[in-house]
Amino acid sequence: MPEEAVQATEEAPEQPAPAETEDVHYQAVEKDGTVTAIWEMQGRKHLRTIDPRSAEGKQILALFETAA
């Protein structure tokens, strides 16, 4: 590999993908006034679904209720 090519790759600044810079947030899915699911989102991308009856789901809901 030519020396110029090595220098170019070493000097190129690393830029994170746009999805990596967005914060993770949670959305509650309700049906008839009851939370049926919690969506973990990053921007517009759905990362996973959390059961609101699970320990993690209860913790997220408790944080939401104290903030409101």
PDB file of N, CA and C in Angstrom:
ATOM      1  N   MET A   1       0.851  -1.172   0.000  1.00  0.00           N
ATOM      2  CA  MET A   1       0.000   0.000   0.000  1.00  0.00           C
ATOM      3  C   MET A   1       0.895   1.233   0.000  1.00  0.00           C
ATOM      4  N   PRO A   2       0.631   2.185  -0.894  1.00  0.00           N
ATOM      5  CA  PRO A   2       1.445   3.401  -0.934  1.00  0.00           C
ATOM      6  C   PRO A   2       1.335   4.176   0.378  1.00  0.00           C
ATOM      7  N   GLU A   3       2.392   4.887   0.705  1.00  0.00           N
ATOM      8  CA  GLU A   3       2.426   5.632   1.961  1.00  0.00           C
ATOM      9  C   GLU A   3       1.337   6.705   2.009  1.00  0.00           C
ATOM     10  N   GLU A   4       1.008   7.319   0.866  1.00  0.00           N
ATOM     11  CA  GLU A   4      -0.032   8.350   0.820  1.00  0.00           C
ATOM     12  C   GLU A   4      -1.385   7.780   1.228  1.00  0.00           C
ATOM     13  N   ALA A   5      -1.683   6.566   0.797  1.00  0.00           N
ATOM     14  CA  ALA A   5      -2.962   5.948   1.133  1.00  0.00           C
ATOM     15  C   ALA A   5      -3.049   5.657   2.625  1.00  0.00           C
ATOM     16  N   VAL A   6      -1.947   5.247   3.218  1.00  0.00           N
ATOM     17  CA  VAL A   6      -1.920   4.966   4.656  1.00  0.00           C
ATOM     18  C   VAL A   6      -2.183   6.247   5.429  1.00  0.00           C
ATOM     19  N   GLN A   7      -1.544   7.338   5.022  1.00  0.00           N
ATOM     20  CA  GLN A   7      -1.748   8.608   5.709  1.00  0.00           C
ATOM     21  C   GLN A   7      -3.189   9.086   5.569  1.00  0.00           C
ATOM     22  N   ALA A   8      -3.785   8.895   4.429  1.00  0.00           N
ATOM     23  CA  ALA A   8      -5.159   9.345   4.210  1.00  0.00           C
ATOM     24  C   ALA A   8      -6.128   8.594   5.116  1.00  0.00           C
ATOM     25  N   THR A   9      -5.918   7.304   5.296  1.00  0.00           N
ATOM     26  CA  THR A   9      -6.823   6.550   6.150  1.00  0.00           C
ATOM     27  C   THR A   9      -6.610   6.875   7.617  1.00  0.00           C
ATOM     28  N   GLU A  10      -5.389   7.190   7.997  1.00  0.00           N
ATOM     29  CA  GLU A  10      -5.114   7.527   9.385  1.00  0.00           C
ATOM     30  C   GLU A  10      -5.647   8.908   9.756  1.00  0.00           C
ATOM     31  N   GLU A  11      -5.662   9.838   8.810  1.00  0.00           N
ATOM     32  CA  GLU A  11      -6.082  11.200   9.088  1.00  0.00           C
ATOM     33  C   GLU A  11      -7.588  11.392   8.965  1.00  0.00           C
ATOM     34  N   ALA A  12      -8.283  10.463   8.360  1.00  0.00           N
ATOM     35  CA  ALA A  12      -9.729  10.608   8.190  1.00  0.00           C
ATOM     36  C   ALA A  12     -10.413  10.563   9.549  1.00  0.00           C
ATOM     37  N   PRO A  13     -11.147  11.616   9.901  1.00  0.00           N
ATOM     38  CA  PRO A  13     -11.830  11.605  11.206  1.00  0.00           C
ATOM     39  C   PRO A  13     -12.969  10.594  11.205  1.00  0.00           C
ATOM     40  N   GLU A  14     -13.119   9.934  12.333  1.00  0.00           N
ATOM     41  CA  GLU A  14     -14.193   8.950  12.448  1.00  0.00           C
ATOM     42  C   GLU A  14     -15.476   9.675  12.801  1.00  0.00           C
ATOM     43  N   GLN A  15     -16.491   9.478  11.991  1.00  0.00           N
ATOM     44  CA  GLN A  15     -17.788  10.090  12.254  1.00  0.00           C
ATOM     45  C   GLN A  15     -18.782   8.990  12.569  1.00  0.00           C
ATOM     46  N   PRO A  16     -19.455   9.072  13.714  1.00  0.00           N
ATOM     47  CA  PRO A  16     -20.442   8.046  14.043  1.00  0.00           C
ATOM     48  C   PRO A  16     -21.626   8.122  13.091  1.00  0.00           C
ATOM     49  N   ALA A  17     -22.257   6.987  12.892  1.00  0.00           N
ATOM     50  CA  ALA A  17     -23.452   6.955  12.056  1.00  0.00           C
ATOM     51  C   ALA A  17     -24.523   7.824  12.702  1.00  0.00           C
ATOM     52  N   PRO A  18     -25.400   8.456  11.920  1.00  0.00           N
ATOM     53  CA  PRO A  18     -26.415   9.335  12.495  1.00  0.00           C
ATOM     54  C   PRO A  18     -27.288   8.652  13.552  1.00  0.00           C
ATOM     55  N   ALA A  19     -27.596   7.378  13.379  1.00  0.00           N
ATOM     56  CA  ALA A  19     -28.448   6.681  14.345  1.00  0.00           C
ATOM     57  C   ALA A  19     -27.757   6.548  15.704  1.00  0.00           C
ATOM     58  N   GLU A  20     -26.438   6.474  15.712  1.00  0.00           N
ATOM     59  CA  GLU A  20     -25.712   6.318  16.969  1.00  0.00           C
ATOM     60  C   GLU A  20     -25.714   7.597  17.794  1.00  0.00           C
ATOM     61  N   THR A  21     -25.896   8.746  17.163  1.00  0.00           N
ATOM     62  CA  THR A  21     -25.856  10.009  17.888  1.00  0.00           C
ATOM     63  C   THR A  21     -27.209  10.366  18.489  1.00  0.00           C
ATOM     64  N   GLU A  22     -28.279   9.723  18.059  1.00  0.00           N
ATOM     65  CA  GLU A  22     -29.599  10.030  18.576  1.00  0.00           C
ATOM     66  C   GLU A  22     -29.835   9.320  19.905  1.00  0.00           C
ATOM     67  N   ASP A  23     -30.519  10.014  20.801  1.00  0.00           N
ATOM     68  CA  ASP A  23     -30.806   9.454  22.111  1.00  0.00           C
ATOM     69  C   ASP A  23     -31.869   8.365  22.021  1.00  0.00           C
ATOM     70  N   VAL A  24     -31.784   7.429  22.941  1.00  0.00           N
ATOM     71  CA  VAL A  24     -32.787   6.380  23.061  1.00  0.00           C
ATOM     72  C   VAL A  24     -33.924   6.936  23.904  1.00  0.00           C
ATOM     73  N   HIS A  25     -35.160   6.720  23.455  1.00  0.00           N
ATOM     74  CA  HIS A  25     -36.309   7.151  24.230  1.00  0.00           C
ATOM     75  C   HIS A  25     -37.357   6.047  24.218  1.00  0.00           C
ATOM     76  N   TYR A  26     -38.368   6.211  25.055  1.00  0.00           N
ATOM     77  CA  TYR A  26     -39.381   5.176  25.228  1.00  0.00           C
ATOM     78  C   TYR A  26     -40.759   5.738  24.900  1.00  0.00           C
ATOM     79  N   GLN A  27     -41.592   4.905  24.280  1.00  0.00           N
ATOM     80  CA  GLN A  27     -42.967   5.274  23.973  1.00  0.00           C
ATOM     81  C   GLN A  27     -43.887   4.214  24.550  1.00  0.00           C
ATOM     82  N   ALA A  28     -44.896   4.668  25.272  1.00  0.00           N
ATOM     83  CA  ALA A  28     -45.872   3.739  25.836  1.00  0.00           C
ATOM     84  C   ALA A  28     -46.972   3.500  24.816  1.00  0.00           C
ATOM     85  N   VAL A  29     -47.338   2.251  24.639  1.00  0.00           N
ATOM     86  CA  VAL A  29     -48.440   1.875  23.762  1.00  0.00           C
ATOM     87  C   VAL A  29     -49.628   1.564  24.663  1.00  0.00           C
ATOM     88  N   GLU A  30     -50.712   2.303  24.472  1.00  0.00           N
ATOM     89  CA  GLU A  30     -51.883   2.142  25.335  1.00  0.00           C
ATOM     90  C   GLU A  30     -53.066   1.571  24.565  1.00  0.00           C
ATOM     91  N   LYS A  31     -53.873   0.795  25.287  1.00  0.00           N
ATOM     92  CA  LYS A  31     -55.133   0.294  24.753  1.00  0.00           C
ATOM     93  C   LYS A  31     -56.140   0.360  25.887  1.00  0.00           C
ATOM     94  N   ASP A  32     -57.216   1.062  25.667  1.00  0.00           N
ATOM     95  CA  ASP A  32     -58.257   1.246  26.674  1.00  0.00           C
ATOM     96  C   ASP A  32     -57.693   1.816  27.974  1.00  0.00           C
ATOM     97  N   GLY A  33     -56.733   2.734  27.873  1.00  0.00           N
ATOM     98  CA  GLY A  33     -56.168   3.384  29.047  1.00  0.00           C
ATOM     99  C   GLY A  33     -55.129   2.578  29.804  1.00  0.00           C
ATOM    100  N   THR A  34     -54.753   1.423  29.289  1.00  0.00           N
ATOM    101  CA  THR A  34     -53.759   0.564  29.937  1.00  0.00           C
ATOM    102  C   THR A  34     -52.533   0.448  29.038  1.00  0.00           C
ATOM    103  N   VAL A  35     -51.359   0.566  29.635  1.00  0.00           N
ATOM    104  CA  VAL A  35     -50.119   0.409  28.863  1.00  0.00           C
ATOM    105  C   VAL A  35     -49.945  -1.071  28.543  1.00  0.00           C
ATOM    106  N   THR A  36     -49.912  -1.385  27.261  1.00  0.00           N
ATOM    107  CA  THR A  36     -49.772  -2.777  26.830  1.00  0.00           C
ATOM    108  C   THR A  36     -48.355  -3.116  26.391  1.00  0.00           C
ATOM    109  N   ALA A  37     -47.557  -2.090  26.054  1.00  0.00           N
ATOM    110  CA  ALA A  37     -46.176  -2.311  25.621  1.00  0.00           C
ATOM    111  C   ALA A  37     -45.400  -1.016  25.773  1.00  0.00           C
ATOM    112  N   ILE A  38     -44.100  -1.143  25.859  1.00  0.00           N
ATOM    113  CA  ILE A  38     -43.205   0.007  25.870  1.00  0.00           C
ATOM    114  C   ILE A  38     -42.221  -0.199  24.730  1.00  0.00           C
ATOM    115  N   TRP A  39     -42.151   0.782  23.843  1.00  0.00           N
ATOM    116  CA  TRP A  39     -41.228   0.700  22.716  1.00  0.00           C
ATOM    117  C   TRP A  39     -39.974   1.483  23.038  1.00  0.00           C
ATOM    118  N   GLU A  40     -38.821   0.843  22.859  1.00  0.00           N
ATOM    119  CA  GLU A  40     -37.536   1.530  22.972  1.00  0.00           C
ATOM    120  C   GLU A  40     -37.173   1.993  21.571  1.00  0.00           C
ATOM    121  N   MET A  41     -37.001   3.315  21.419  1.00  0.00           N
ATOM    122  CA  MET A  41     -36.776   3.898  20.108  1.00  0.00           C
ATOM    123  C   MET A  41     -35.460   4.669  20.080  1.00  0.00           C
ATOM    124  N   GLN A  42     -34.852   4.699  18.909  1.00  0.00           N
ATOM    125  CA  GLN A  42     -33.676   5.530  18.670  1.00  0.00           C
ATOM    126  C   GLN A  42     -33.979   6.307  17.405  1.00  0.00           C
ATOM    127  N   GLY A  43     -34.338   7.583  17.595  1.00  0.00           N
ATOM    128  CA  GLY A  43     -34.833   8.350  16.467  1.00  0.00           C
ATOM    129  C   GLY A  43     -36.176   7.774  16.051  1.00  0.00           C
ATOM    130  N   ARG A  44     -36.294   7.366  14.796  1.00  0.00           N
ATOM    131  CA  ARG A  44     -37.527   6.742  14.321  1.00  0.00           C
ATOM    132  C   ARG A  44     -37.415   5.225  14.261  1.00  0.00           C
ATOM    133  N   LYS A  45     -36.273   4.699  14.673  1.00  0.00           N
ATOM    134  CA  LYS A  45     -36.024   3.254  14.598  1.00  0.00           C
ATOM    135  C   LYS A  45     -36.475   2.552  15.878  1.00  0.00           C
ATOM    136  N   HIS A  46     -37.269   1.515  15.722  1.00  0.00           N
ATOM    137  CA  HIS A  46     -37.741   0.706  16.847  1.00  0.00           C
ATOM    138  C   HIS A  46     -36.649  -0.295  17.192  1.00  0.00           C
ATOM    139  N   LEU A  47     -36.134  -0.206  18.422  1.00  0.00           N
ATOM    140  CA  LEU A  47     -35.062  -1.109  18.840  1.00  0.00           C
ATOM    141  C   LEU A  47     -35.620  -2.397  19.439  1.00  0.00           C
ATOM    142  N   ARG A  48     -36.583  -2.255  20.373  1.00  0.00           N
ATOM    143  CA  ARG A  48     -37.159  -3.435  21.002  1.00  0.00           C
ATOM    144  C   ARG A  48     -38.457  -3.063  21.705  1.00  0.00           C
ATOM    145  N   THR A  49     -39.214  -4.090  22.050  1.00  0.00           N
ATOM    146  CA  THR A  49     -40.453  -3.923  22.799  1.00  0.00           C
ATOM    147  C   THR A  49     -40.243  -4.479  24.200  1.00  0.00           C
ATOM    148  N   ILE A  50     -40.662  -3.711  25.192  1.00  0.00           N
ATOM    149  CA  ILE A  50     -40.500  -4.104  26.592  1.00  0.00           C
ATOM    150  C   ILE A  50     -41.878  -4.357  27.176  1.00  0.00           C
ATOM    151  N   ASP A  51     -42.040  -5.466  27.866  1.00  0.00           N
ATOM    152  CA  ASP A  51     -43.295  -5.796  28.533  1.00  0.00           C
ATOM    153  C   ASP A  51     -43.436  -4.904  29.761  1.00  0.00           C
ATOM    154  N   PRO A  52     -44.544  -4.164  29.882  1.00  0.00           N
ATOM    155  CA  PRO A  52     -44.700  -3.283  31.048  1.00  0.00           C
ATOM    156  C   PRO A  52     -44.837  -4.036  32.368  1.00  0.00           C
ATOM    157  N   ARG A  53     -45.098  -5.339  32.312  1.00  0.00           N
ATOM    158  CA  ARG A  53     -45.195  -6.139  33.538  1.00  0.00           C
ATOM    159  C   ARG A  53     -43.838  -6.635  34.008  1.00  0.00           C
ATOM    160  N   SER A  54     -42.804  -6.524  33.162  1.00  0.00           N
ATOM    161  CA  SER A  54     -41.466  -6.980  33.539  1.00  0.00           C
ATOM    162  C   SER A  54     -40.846  -5.991  34.524  1.00  0.00           C
ATOM    163  N   ALA A  55     -39.770  -6.395  35.151  1.00  0.00           N
ATOM    164  CA  ALA A  55     -39.076  -5.521  36.112  1.00  0.00           C
ATOM    165  C   ALA A  55     -38.593  -4.247  35.427  1.00  0.00           C
ATOM    166  N   GLU A  56     -38.038  -4.389  34.239  1.00  0.00           N
ATOM    167  CA  GLU A  56     -37.542  -3.219  33.511  1.00  0.00           C
ATOM    168  C   GLU A  56     -38.702  -2.317  33.098  1.00  0.00           C
ATOM    169  N   GLY A  57     -39.792  -2.923  32.654  1.00  0.00           N
ATOM    170  CA  GLY A  57     -40.966  -2.154  32.267  1.00  0.00           C
ATOM    171  C   GLY A  57     -41.550  -1.376  33.432  1.00  0.00           C
ATOM    172  N   LYS A  58     -41.624  -2.004  34.590  1.00  0.00           N
ATOM    173  CA  LYS A  58     -42.127  -1.326  35.787  1.00  0.00           C
ATOM    174  C   LYS A  58     -41.230  -0.165  36.183  1.00  0.00           C
ATOM    175  N   GLN A  59     -39.924  -0.353  36.026  1.00  0.00           N
ATOM    176  CA  GLN A  59     -38.974   0.708  36.364  1.00  0.00           C
ATOM    177  C   GLN A  59     -39.154   1.896  35.425  1.00  0.00           C
ATOM    178  N   ILE A  60     -39.311   1.647  34.140  1.00  0.00           N
ATOM    179  CA  ILE A  60     -39.503   2.724  33.161  1.00  0.00           C
ATOM    180  C   ILE A  60     -40.807   3.470  33.449  1.00  0.00           C
ATOM    181  N   LEU A  61     -41.875   2.728  33.724  1.00  0.00           N
ATOM    182  CA  LEU A  61     -43.160   3.367  34.023  1.00  0.00           C
ATOM    183  C   LEU A  61     -43.089   4.199  35.307  1.00  0.00           C
ATOM    184  N   ALA A  62     -42.369   3.694  36.304  1.00  0.00           N
ATOM    185  CA  ALA A  62     -42.231   4.442  37.563  1.00  0.00           C
ATOM    186  C   ALA A  62     -41.491   5.758  37.324  1.00  0.00           C
ATOM    187  N   LEU A  63     -40.458   5.734  36.497  1.00  0.00           N
ATOM    188  CA  LEU A  63     -39.732   6.967  36.189  1.00  0.00           C
ATOM    189  C   LEU A  63     -40.628   7.954  35.450  1.00  0.00           C
ATOM    190  N   PHE A  64     -41.453   7.455  34.553  1.00  0.00           N
ATOM    191  CA  PHE A  64     -42.374   8.300  33.798  1.00  0.00           C
ATOM    192  C   PHE A  64     -43.405   8.938  34.726  1.00  0.00           C
ATOM    193  N   GLU A  65     -43.939   8.149  35.652  1.00  0.00           N
ATOM    194  CA  GLU A  65     -44.972   8.667  36.547  1.00  0.00           C
ATOM    195  C   GLU A  65     -44.415   9.714  37.500  1.00  0.00           C
ATOM    196  N   THR A  66     -43.167   9.582  37.937  1.00  0.00           N
ATOM    197  CA  THR A  66     -42.594  10.562  38.848  1.00  0.00           C
ATOM    198  C   THR A  66     -42.244  11.849  38.112  1.00  0.00           C
ATOM    199  N   ALA A  67     -41.961  11.762  36.805  1.00  0.00           N
ATOM    200  CA  ALA A  67     -41.621  12.943  36.026  1.00  0.00           C
ATOM    201  C   ALA A  67     -42.864  13.758  35.665  1.00  0.00           C
ATOM    202  N   ALA A  68     -43.998  13.129  35.613  1.00  0.00           N
ATOM    203  CA  ALA A  68     -45.236  13.822  35.207  1.00  0.00           C
ATOM    204  C   ALA A  68     -45.859  14.599  36.327  1.00  0.00           C
TER     205      ALA A  68
END
